[in-house]
N, C-alpha and C. Protein backbone atom coordinates (compact mmCIF):
# COMPACT_ATOMS: atom_id res chain seq x y z
N MET A 1 42.11 38.59 62.02
CA MET A 1 41.51 37.26 62.08
C MET A 1 42.59 36.20 62.21
N GLY A 2 43.81 36.48 61.93
CA GLY A 2 44.84 35.49 62.05
C GLY A 2 45.42 35.03 60.73
N VAL A 3 44.73 35.24 59.64
CA VAL A 3 45.22 34.82 58.34
C VAL A 3 46.49 35.60 58.00
N GLN A 4 46.49 36.88 58.33
CA GLN A 4 47.70 37.68 58.08
C GLN A 4 48.86 37.19 58.94
N GLN A 5 48.56 36.79 60.18
CA GLN A 5 49.60 36.22 61.05
C GLN A 5 50.17 34.95 60.44
N LEU A 6 49.29 34.12 59.88
CA LEU A 6 49.73 32.88 59.25
C LEU A 6 50.62 33.20 58.05
N LYS A 7 50.23 34.15 57.22
CA LYS A 7 51.05 34.54 56.08
C LYS A 7 52.42 35.01 56.53
N THR A 8 52.45 35.80 57.58
CA THR A 8 53.72 36.30 58.11
C THR A 8 54.58 35.15 58.61
N ALA A 9 53.99 34.20 59.32
CA ALA A 9 54.75 33.05 59.83
C ALA A 9 55.31 32.20 58.70
N ILE A 10 54.54 32.01 57.65
CA ILE A 10 55.00 31.23 56.50
C ILE A 10 56.15 31.95 55.81
N ARG A 11 55.99 33.23 55.59
CA ARG A 11 57.05 34.00 54.93
C ARG A 11 58.33 34.00 55.78
N ARG A 12 58.17 34.08 57.08
CA ARG A 12 59.33 34.05 57.97
C ARG A 12 60.03 32.69 57.89
N GLU A 13 59.25 31.63 57.86
CA GLU A 13 59.79 30.27 57.81
C GLU A 13 60.63 30.03 56.56
N PHE A 14 60.20 30.61 55.45
CA PHE A 14 60.85 30.36 54.17
C PHE A 14 61.69 31.54 53.67
N ALA A 15 61.97 32.49 54.53
CA ALA A 15 62.66 33.73 54.13
C ALA A 15 64.03 33.49 53.50
N GLU A 16 64.69 32.43 53.88
CA GLU A 16 66.05 32.17 53.38
C GLU A 16 66.08 31.32 52.12
N GLU A 17 64.93 30.98 51.61
CA GLU A 17 64.86 30.12 50.42
C GLU A 17 65.14 30.91 49.15
N ALA A 18 65.27 30.18 48.08
CA ALA A 18 65.54 30.78 46.77
C ALA A 18 64.39 31.72 46.37
N PRO A 19 64.72 32.78 45.66
CA PRO A 19 63.68 33.75 45.24
C PRO A 19 62.54 33.10 44.45
N GLU A 20 62.85 32.08 43.66
CA GLU A 20 61.80 31.42 42.87
C GLU A 20 60.81 30.72 43.79
N LEU A 21 61.33 30.08 44.85
CA LEU A 21 60.45 29.39 45.80
C LEU A 21 59.62 30.40 46.57
N ILE A 22 60.23 31.49 46.97
CA ILE A 22 59.50 32.54 47.69
C ILE A 22 58.39 33.11 46.81
N ALA A 23 58.66 33.30 45.53
CA ALA A 23 57.63 33.80 44.61
C ALA A 23 56.48 32.80 44.51
N GLU A 24 56.81 31.52 44.46
CA GLU A 24 55.77 30.49 44.38
C GLU A 24 54.95 30.46 45.68
N ILE A 25 55.62 30.59 46.80
CA ILE A 25 54.91 30.62 48.09
C ILE A 25 53.99 31.82 48.15
N ASP A 26 54.47 32.98 47.75
CA ASP A 26 53.64 34.19 47.76
C ASP A 26 52.41 34.01 46.86
N GLN A 27 52.60 33.37 45.73
CA GLN A 27 51.48 33.11 44.82
C GLN A 27 50.44 32.22 45.50
N LYS A 28 50.91 31.22 46.22
CA LYS A 28 49.98 30.32 46.93
C LYS A 28 49.31 31.04 48.09
N LEU A 29 50.05 31.92 48.76
CA LEU A 29 49.47 32.67 49.86
C LEU A 29 48.35 33.59 49.39
N ASP A 30 48.47 34.07 48.16
CA ASP A 30 47.40 34.90 47.60
C ASP A 30 46.09 34.15 47.51
N LYS A 31 46.17 32.82 47.43
CA LYS A 31 44.94 32.01 47.38
C LYS A 31 44.17 32.11 48.68
N LEU A 32 44.86 32.41 49.78
CA LEU A 32 44.16 32.59 51.04
C LEU A 32 43.15 33.72 50.94
N ASP A 33 43.51 34.75 50.21
CA ASP A 33 42.60 35.88 50.03
C ASP A 33 41.38 35.48 49.21
N GLY A 34 41.50 34.41 48.43
CA GLY A 34 40.38 33.93 47.63
C GLY A 34 39.20 33.49 48.46
N ILE A 35 39.46 33.11 49.69
CA ILE A 35 38.35 32.74 50.58
C ILE A 35 37.40 33.90 50.72
N LEU A 36 37.96 35.07 50.92
CA LEU A 36 37.10 36.25 51.07
C LEU A 36 36.39 36.62 49.78
N ASP A 37 36.98 36.27 48.65
CA ASP A 37 36.31 36.52 47.37
C ASP A 37 35.02 35.71 47.27
N ASN A 38 35.01 34.53 47.87
CA ASN A 38 33.81 33.69 47.84
C ASN A 38 32.76 34.14 48.85
N LEU A 39 33.19 34.91 49.83
CA LEU A 39 32.25 35.50 50.78
C LEU A 39 32.09 36.96 50.38
N ASP A 40 31.40 37.15 49.26
CA ASP A 40 31.34 38.43 48.57
C ASP A 40 30.28 39.36 49.15
N ASP A 41 29.87 40.33 48.36
CA ASP A 41 28.92 41.34 48.84
C ASP A 41 27.46 41.02 48.52
N ARG A 42 27.18 39.80 48.10
CA ARG A 42 25.79 39.45 47.79
C ARG A 42 24.89 39.57 49.03
N LEU A 43 25.41 39.17 50.18
CA LEU A 43 24.60 39.25 51.40
C LEU A 43 24.29 40.70 51.76
N SER A 44 25.28 41.56 51.74
CA SER A 44 25.02 42.96 52.09
C SER A 44 24.05 43.59 51.10
N GLU A 45 24.13 43.19 49.84
CA GLU A 45 23.20 43.72 48.83
C GLU A 45 21.77 43.25 49.12
N ALA A 46 21.61 41.98 49.46
CA ALA A 46 20.28 41.45 49.78
C ALA A 46 19.71 42.13 51.02
N LEU A 47 20.55 42.37 52.02
CA LEU A 47 20.08 43.05 53.23
C LEU A 47 19.76 44.51 52.96
N ARG A 48 20.52 45.14 52.09
CA ARG A 48 20.22 46.52 51.70
C ARG A 48 18.85 46.59 51.03
N LYS A 49 18.60 45.64 50.13
CA LYS A 49 17.30 45.60 49.44
C LYS A 49 16.18 45.31 50.43
N ALA A 50 16.42 44.43 51.40
CA ALA A 50 15.39 44.13 52.41
C ALA A 50 15.08 45.39 53.22
N ASN A 51 16.09 46.13 53.58
CA ASN A 51 15.90 47.36 54.34
C ASN A 51 15.12 48.40 53.55
N ALA A 52 15.29 48.40 52.24
CA ALA A 52 14.62 49.38 51.39
C ALA A 52 13.26 48.89 50.87
N ALA A 53 12.89 47.67 51.23
CA ALA A 53 11.64 47.09 50.71
C ALA A 53 10.44 47.97 51.05
N ALA A 54 9.62 48.19 50.04
CA ALA A 54 8.46 49.07 50.20
C ALA A 54 7.25 48.35 50.77
N ASP A 55 7.22 47.03 50.64
CA ASP A 55 6.06 46.29 51.13
C ASP A 55 6.51 44.96 51.76
N PRO A 56 5.64 44.35 52.55
CA PRO A 56 6.01 43.12 53.25
C PRO A 56 6.43 41.96 52.34
N SER A 57 5.84 41.86 51.16
CA SER A 57 6.21 40.75 50.28
C SER A 57 7.63 40.93 49.73
N ALA A 58 8.00 42.16 49.42
CA ALA A 58 9.37 42.43 48.96
C ALA A 58 10.36 42.17 50.08
N LEU A 59 10.01 42.56 51.30
CA LEU A 59 10.86 42.31 52.45
C LEU A 59 11.06 40.81 52.65
N THR A 60 9.98 40.05 52.60
CA THR A 60 10.04 38.60 52.76
C THR A 60 10.92 37.98 51.70
N LYS A 61 10.77 38.44 50.46
CA LYS A 61 11.57 37.92 49.35
C LYS A 61 13.06 38.18 49.57
N GLU A 62 13.42 39.39 49.95
CA GLU A 62 14.83 39.72 50.15
C GLU A 62 15.43 39.02 51.36
N LEU A 63 14.65 38.86 52.42
CA LEU A 63 15.15 38.12 53.57
C LEU A 63 15.36 36.65 53.23
N ALA A 64 14.46 36.08 52.43
CA ALA A 64 14.65 34.69 51.99
C ALA A 64 15.91 34.58 51.14
N ASN A 65 16.13 35.56 50.27
CA ASN A 65 17.34 35.58 49.46
C ASN A 65 18.58 35.65 50.36
N ALA A 66 18.54 36.49 51.38
CA ALA A 66 19.67 36.62 52.31
C ALA A 66 19.93 35.30 53.03
N LYS A 67 18.87 34.60 53.43
CA LYS A 67 19.04 33.31 54.10
C LYS A 67 19.67 32.29 53.16
N THR A 68 19.26 32.32 51.90
CA THR A 68 19.85 31.40 50.91
C THR A 68 21.33 31.70 50.73
N ILE A 69 21.67 32.96 50.64
CA ILE A 69 23.07 33.35 50.50
C ILE A 69 23.87 32.88 51.72
N LEU A 70 23.33 33.08 52.91
CA LEU A 70 24.01 32.64 54.12
C LEU A 70 24.19 31.12 54.12
N ALA A 71 23.18 30.40 53.69
CA ALA A 71 23.30 28.93 53.62
C ALA A 71 24.41 28.53 52.64
N ASN A 72 24.50 29.24 51.53
CA ASN A 72 25.58 28.97 50.57
C ASN A 72 26.94 29.28 51.17
N TYR A 73 27.05 30.39 51.88
CA TYR A 73 28.30 30.75 52.54
C TYR A 73 28.71 29.68 53.55
N ILE A 74 27.74 29.25 54.37
CA ILE A 74 28.02 28.23 55.38
C ILE A 74 28.48 26.93 54.72
N GLY A 75 27.81 26.54 53.66
CA GLY A 75 28.22 25.34 52.93
C GLY A 75 29.63 25.47 52.37
N TYR A 76 29.94 26.62 51.86
CA TYR A 76 31.29 26.87 51.32
C TYR A 76 32.33 26.76 52.43
N VAL A 77 32.08 27.41 53.54
CA VAL A 77 33.03 27.42 54.66
C VAL A 77 33.25 25.99 55.17
N ARG A 78 32.19 25.23 55.27
CA ARG A 78 32.31 23.85 55.77
C ARG A 78 33.05 22.93 54.81
N SER A 79 33.01 23.23 53.52
CA SER A 79 33.58 22.29 52.54
C SER A 79 34.89 22.75 51.90
N GLU A 80 35.29 23.98 52.10
CA GLU A 80 36.49 24.50 51.44
C GLU A 80 37.75 23.88 52.05
N PRO A 81 38.50 23.09 51.28
CA PRO A 81 39.71 22.46 51.82
C PRO A 81 40.77 23.46 52.26
N LEU A 82 40.83 24.61 51.64
CA LEU A 82 41.83 25.60 52.01
C LEU A 82 41.59 26.10 53.43
N ILE A 83 40.34 26.21 53.83
CA ILE A 83 40.03 26.63 55.20
C ILE A 83 40.52 25.58 56.18
N ALA A 84 40.30 24.31 55.86
CA ALA A 84 40.81 23.23 56.71
C ALA A 84 42.33 23.29 56.79
N GLY A 85 42.98 23.58 55.68
CA GLY A 85 44.43 23.70 55.65
C GLY A 85 44.93 24.86 56.50
N ILE A 86 44.22 25.95 56.47
CA ILE A 86 44.58 27.11 57.29
C ILE A 86 44.49 26.73 58.77
N ASP A 87 43.41 26.07 59.14
CA ASP A 87 43.22 25.70 60.54
C ASP A 87 44.25 24.67 61.00
N ALA A 88 44.72 23.84 60.09
CA ALA A 88 45.68 22.78 60.45
C ALA A 88 47.13 23.18 60.18
N ASN A 89 47.39 24.45 59.98
CA ASN A 89 48.73 24.90 59.61
C ASN A 89 49.77 24.46 60.64
N PRO A 90 50.98 24.16 60.17
CA PRO A 90 52.05 23.71 61.06
C PRO A 90 52.94 24.85 61.60
N PHE A 91 52.47 26.06 61.50
CA PHE A 91 53.30 27.21 61.85
C PHE A 91 52.99 27.78 63.23
N GLY A 92 52.16 27.10 63.99
CA GLY A 92 51.85 27.54 65.34
C GLY A 92 50.88 28.71 65.42
N VAL A 93 50.21 29.01 64.34
CA VAL A 93 49.23 30.10 64.34
C VAL A 93 47.84 29.46 64.41
N GLN A 94 47.22 29.59 65.58
CA GLN A 94 45.89 29.01 65.76
C GLN A 94 44.85 30.01 65.26
N ILE A 95 44.10 29.57 64.26
CA ILE A 95 43.14 30.47 63.63
C ILE A 95 41.71 30.03 63.91
N ASP A 96 41.41 28.75 63.74
CA ASP A 96 40.06 28.21 63.93
C ASP A 96 39.05 28.94 63.04
N LEU A 97 39.48 29.18 61.81
CA LEU A 97 38.71 29.96 60.86
C LEU A 97 37.35 29.33 60.54
N ARG A 98 37.34 28.01 60.32
CA ARG A 98 36.08 27.34 59.97
C ARG A 98 35.04 27.54 61.07
N THR A 99 35.43 27.33 62.30
CA THR A 99 34.48 27.48 63.41
C THR A 99 34.00 28.92 63.54
N LYS A 100 34.94 29.86 63.50
CA LYS A 100 34.56 31.26 63.66
C LYS A 100 33.62 31.73 62.56
N LEU A 101 33.94 31.39 61.32
CA LEU A 101 33.07 31.81 60.21
C LEU A 101 31.72 31.13 60.28
N THR A 102 31.70 29.83 60.54
CA THR A 102 30.43 29.10 60.61
C THR A 102 29.54 29.66 61.72
N GLU A 103 30.14 29.90 62.88
CA GLU A 103 29.34 30.46 63.99
C GLU A 103 28.78 31.83 63.65
N ALA A 104 29.59 32.69 63.08
CA ALA A 104 29.13 34.03 62.75
C ALA A 104 28.02 34.00 61.70
N LEU A 105 28.22 33.19 60.67
CA LEU A 105 27.21 33.10 59.60
C LEU A 105 25.92 32.49 60.13
N THR A 106 26.03 31.50 61.00
CA THR A 106 24.84 30.87 61.58
C THR A 106 24.08 31.86 62.44
N LYS A 107 24.78 32.65 63.23
CA LYS A 107 24.12 33.68 64.05
C LYS A 107 23.37 34.68 63.18
N MET A 108 23.97 35.05 62.04
CA MET A 108 23.29 35.97 61.13
C MET A 108 22.02 35.34 60.57
N ALA A 109 22.12 34.07 60.19
CA ALA A 109 20.95 33.38 59.64
C ALA A 109 19.83 33.29 60.66
N ILE A 110 20.19 33.02 61.92
CA ILE A 110 19.18 32.97 62.98
C ILE A 110 18.55 34.34 63.18
N ALA A 111 19.36 35.39 63.17
CA ALA A 111 18.84 36.75 63.36
C ALA A 111 17.90 37.13 62.23
N ILE A 112 18.21 36.75 61.02
CA ILE A 112 17.34 37.07 59.88
C ILE A 112 16.04 36.28 59.98
N GLY A 113 16.11 35.07 60.51
CA GLY A 113 14.94 34.21 60.59
C GLY A 113 13.93 34.62 61.62
N ARG A 114 14.26 35.57 62.47
CA ARG A 114 13.33 35.98 63.54
C ARG A 114 12.29 36.93 63.06
């Protein structure tokens, strides 16, 4: 997705710095992985339950839950400052993470809504 490329570019840029600074940078880079922690497995669990639903009302309930989760994910992606920072990085790594994630999540929400 490009986040790993960004991490590599940052580490390369600061490779000659003091070990303490490099440790601090690595700690901050770990926060990039936190984005994925917020896009957790709740959606896959809701879709698994929808697939296993025994009756139409259970299916409707789980699909509504999945749509709510997707709406929460989309809201998170649109508002997370770290995602904006990733997209605006000065290291020449074009990621466009916010757009890619928003488009993918929106397509999923549309597919569930059909």
